[in-house]
N, C-alpha and C. Protein backbone atom coordinates (compact mmCIF):
# COMPACT_ATOMS: atom_id res chain seq x y z
N MET A 1 66.79 32.59 107.76
CA MET A 1 68.20 32.40 107.48
C MET A 1 69.01 33.29 108.44
N THR A 2 70.12 32.78 108.90
CA THR A 2 70.96 33.54 109.84
C THR A 2 72.19 34.07 109.12
N ARG A 3 72.87 35.01 109.77
CA ARG A 3 74.11 35.55 109.21
C ARG A 3 75.14 34.43 109.04
N LYS A 4 75.18 33.52 110.01
CA LYS A 4 76.13 32.41 109.95
C LYS A 4 75.88 31.54 108.71
N ASP A 5 74.60 31.27 108.40
CA ASP A 5 74.26 30.49 107.21
C ASP A 5 74.74 31.17 105.95
N ILE A 6 74.54 32.48 105.87
CA ILE A 6 74.93 33.24 104.68
C ILE A 6 76.45 33.26 104.55
N LEU A 7 77.16 33.50 105.65
CA LEU A 7 78.63 33.51 105.60
C LEU A 7 79.17 32.15 105.16
N LYS A 8 78.59 31.08 105.70
CA LYS A 8 79.05 29.73 105.35
C LYS A 8 78.79 29.43 103.87
N LYS A 9 77.67 29.93 103.34
CA LYS A 9 77.30 29.70 101.95
C LYS A 9 78.36 30.25 100.99
N TYR A 10 78.99 31.36 101.36
CA TYR A 10 80.00 31.99 100.51
C TYR A 10 81.43 31.69 100.96
N GLY A 11 81.60 30.73 101.86
CA GLY A 11 82.93 30.26 102.22
C GLY A 11 83.65 31.09 103.25
N PHE A 12 82.94 31.91 104.01
CA PHE A 12 83.57 32.69 105.06
C PHE A 12 83.41 31.96 106.39
N SER A 13 84.43 32.04 107.23
CA SER A 13 84.28 31.55 108.60
C SER A 13 84.39 32.77 109.50
N TRP A 14 83.77 32.71 110.65
CA TRP A 14 83.69 33.89 111.49
C TRP A 14 83.91 33.49 112.93
N MET A 15 84.88 34.11 113.57
CA MET A 15 85.10 33.88 114.99
C MET A 15 84.92 35.22 115.69
N SER A 16 83.84 35.35 116.39
CA SER A 16 83.53 36.62 117.01
C SER A 16 82.51 36.38 118.12
N ASN A 17 82.37 37.38 118.96
CA ASN A 17 81.35 37.28 120.01
C ASN A 17 80.01 37.84 119.53
N VAL A 18 79.93 38.20 118.25
CA VAL A 18 78.68 38.69 117.68
C VAL A 18 77.74 37.50 117.50
N ASN A 19 76.48 37.68 117.83
CA ASN A 19 75.50 36.60 117.68
C ASN A 19 75.12 36.46 116.21
N LEU A 20 75.63 35.42 115.56
CA LEU A 20 75.36 35.20 114.14
C LEU A 20 74.19 34.25 113.93
N LYS A 21 73.65 33.69 115.00
CA LYS A 21 72.59 32.70 114.87
C LYS A 21 71.20 33.31 114.96
N GLU A 22 71.14 34.63 115.09
CA GLU A 22 69.85 35.32 115.16
C GLU A 22 69.17 35.25 113.80
N GLU A 23 67.90 34.87 113.79
CA GLU A 23 67.14 34.81 112.53
C GLU A 23 66.93 36.23 112.01
N LEU A 24 67.13 36.39 110.70
CA LEU A 24 66.97 37.69 110.06
C LEU A 24 65.65 37.73 109.30
N SER A 25 65.10 38.93 109.15
CA SER A 25 63.92 39.08 108.32
C SER A 25 64.31 38.83 106.86
N GLU A 26 63.32 38.63 106.00
CA GLU A 26 63.60 38.36 104.58
C GLU A 26 64.44 39.48 103.97
N GLN A 27 64.05 40.74 104.25
CA GLN A 27 64.75 41.88 103.66
C GLN A 27 66.17 42.00 104.22
N ALA A 28 66.33 41.84 105.52
CA ALA A 28 67.66 41.95 106.13
C ALA A 28 68.56 40.83 105.63
N ALA A 29 68.02 39.62 105.48
CA ALA A 29 68.81 38.50 104.98
C ALA A 29 69.25 38.76 103.54
N ALA A 30 68.35 39.30 102.72
CA ALA A 30 68.68 39.60 101.32
C ALA A 30 69.76 40.67 101.23
N GLU A 31 69.65 41.72 102.05
CA GLU A 31 70.66 42.79 102.03
C GLU A 31 72.02 42.26 102.50
N PHE A 32 72.03 41.46 103.56
CA PHE A 32 73.29 40.91 104.08
C PHE A 32 73.90 39.96 103.06
N GLU A 33 73.07 39.14 102.40
CA GLU A 33 73.58 38.21 101.40
C GLU A 33 74.17 38.96 100.20
N ASP A 34 73.54 40.05 99.78
CA ASP A 34 74.09 40.87 98.69
C ASP A 34 75.46 41.41 99.06
N LEU A 35 75.61 41.89 100.29
CA LEU A 35 76.89 42.42 100.75
C LEU A 35 77.96 41.33 100.75
N ILE A 36 77.65 40.17 101.30
CA ILE A 36 78.61 39.07 101.38
C ILE A 36 78.96 38.55 99.99
N ARG A 37 77.96 38.48 99.09
CA ARG A 37 78.23 38.04 97.71
C ARG A 37 79.19 39.00 97.03
N THR A 38 78.99 40.30 97.22
CA THR A 38 79.88 41.30 96.63
C THR A 38 81.30 41.14 97.16
N LEU A 39 81.44 40.93 98.47
CA LEU A 39 82.77 40.72 99.05
C LEU A 39 83.41 39.45 98.51
N ALA A 40 82.65 38.38 98.39
CA ALA A 40 83.18 37.11 97.90
C ALA A 40 83.66 37.24 96.46
N GLU A 41 82.88 37.94 95.63
CA GLU A 41 83.28 38.12 94.23
C GLU A 41 84.53 38.99 94.13
N HIS A 42 84.62 40.00 94.99
CA HIS A 42 85.79 40.88 94.97
C HIS A 42 87.04 40.12 95.42
N ASN A 43 86.91 39.28 96.43
CA ASN A 43 88.06 38.55 96.98
C ASN A 43 88.52 37.41 96.08
N ARG A 44 87.64 36.93 95.21
CA ARG A 44 87.97 35.78 94.38
C ARG A 44 89.07 36.11 93.39
N GLY A 45 89.06 37.31 92.83
CA GLY A 45 90.10 37.71 91.88
C GLY A 45 89.87 37.11 90.51
N PRO A 46 90.77 37.38 89.59
CA PRO A 46 90.60 36.89 88.22
C PRO A 46 90.82 35.39 88.13
N GLU A 47 90.19 34.78 87.13
CA GLU A 47 90.37 33.35 86.88
C GLU A 47 91.77 33.10 86.34
N PRO A 48 92.40 31.99 86.70
CA PRO A 48 93.72 31.68 86.15
C PRO A 48 93.63 31.38 84.66
N PRO A 49 94.68 31.70 83.91
CA PRO A 49 94.68 31.44 82.47
C PRO A 49 94.60 29.94 82.18
N GLU A 50 93.98 29.61 81.06
CA GLU A 50 93.76 28.21 80.68
C GLU A 50 95.01 27.56 80.07
N THR A 51 95.68 28.28 79.16
CA THR A 51 96.78 27.66 78.40
C THR A 51 97.90 28.65 78.15
N GLY A 52 99.00 28.12 77.61
CA GLY A 52 100.08 28.96 77.10
C GLY A 52 101.02 29.49 78.16
N TRP A 53 101.81 30.47 77.74
CA TRP A 53 102.85 31.01 78.61
C TRP A 53 102.26 31.73 79.81
N LYS A 54 101.05 32.31 79.66
CA LYS A 54 100.42 32.99 80.80
C LYS A 54 100.12 31.99 81.92
N LYS A 55 99.69 30.78 81.53
CA LYS A 55 99.42 29.74 82.53
C LYS A 55 100.70 29.34 83.23
N GLN A 56 101.80 29.20 82.48
CA GLN A 56 103.08 28.83 83.08
C GLN A 56 103.54 29.90 84.07
N MET A 57 103.41 31.18 83.69
CA MET A 57 103.82 32.27 84.58
C MET A 57 102.93 32.30 85.83
N TYR A 58 101.64 32.09 85.64
CA TYR A 58 100.71 32.08 86.76
C TYR A 58 101.08 30.96 87.74
N ASN A 59 101.30 29.75 87.21
CA ASN A 59 101.65 28.62 88.07
C ASN A 59 102.98 28.85 88.79
N GLN A 60 103.95 29.44 88.10
CA GLN A 60 105.24 29.73 88.72
C GLN A 60 105.07 30.75 89.85
N PHE A 61 104.26 31.77 89.61
CA PHE A 61 104.01 32.78 90.63
C PHE A 61 103.32 32.16 91.85
N MET A 62 102.30 31.34 91.60
CA MET A 62 101.56 30.74 92.71
C MET A 62 102.45 29.79 93.50
N LYS A 63 103.33 29.06 92.82
CA LYS A 63 104.25 28.16 93.51
C LYS A 63 105.21 28.97 94.38
N GLY A 64 105.70 30.10 93.86
CA GLY A 64 106.61 30.96 94.61
C GLY A 64 105.92 31.62 95.80
N ALA A 65 104.61 31.88 95.65
CA ALA A 65 103.85 32.50 96.73
C ALA A 65 103.41 31.47 97.76
N GLY A 66 103.65 30.20 97.48
CA GLY A 66 103.28 29.15 98.43
C GLY A 66 101.80 28.85 98.46
N ARG A 67 101.12 29.04 97.33
CA ARG A 67 99.67 28.78 97.29
C ARG A 67 99.37 27.52 96.54
């Protein structure tokens, strides 16, 4: 597995001159995947509320933020 494969799996795109297509050892791939998974979970943020006034406020905020 390559770094590029792992980044793509978690929804990251990468534009760099770093060689991401180099095959990684099992241990290196596992360590890199753990790091990227942690970053992806951190960046995801809290889940939006399901119902009620909190959902309305969330939707209003997201609309105002242009998301």
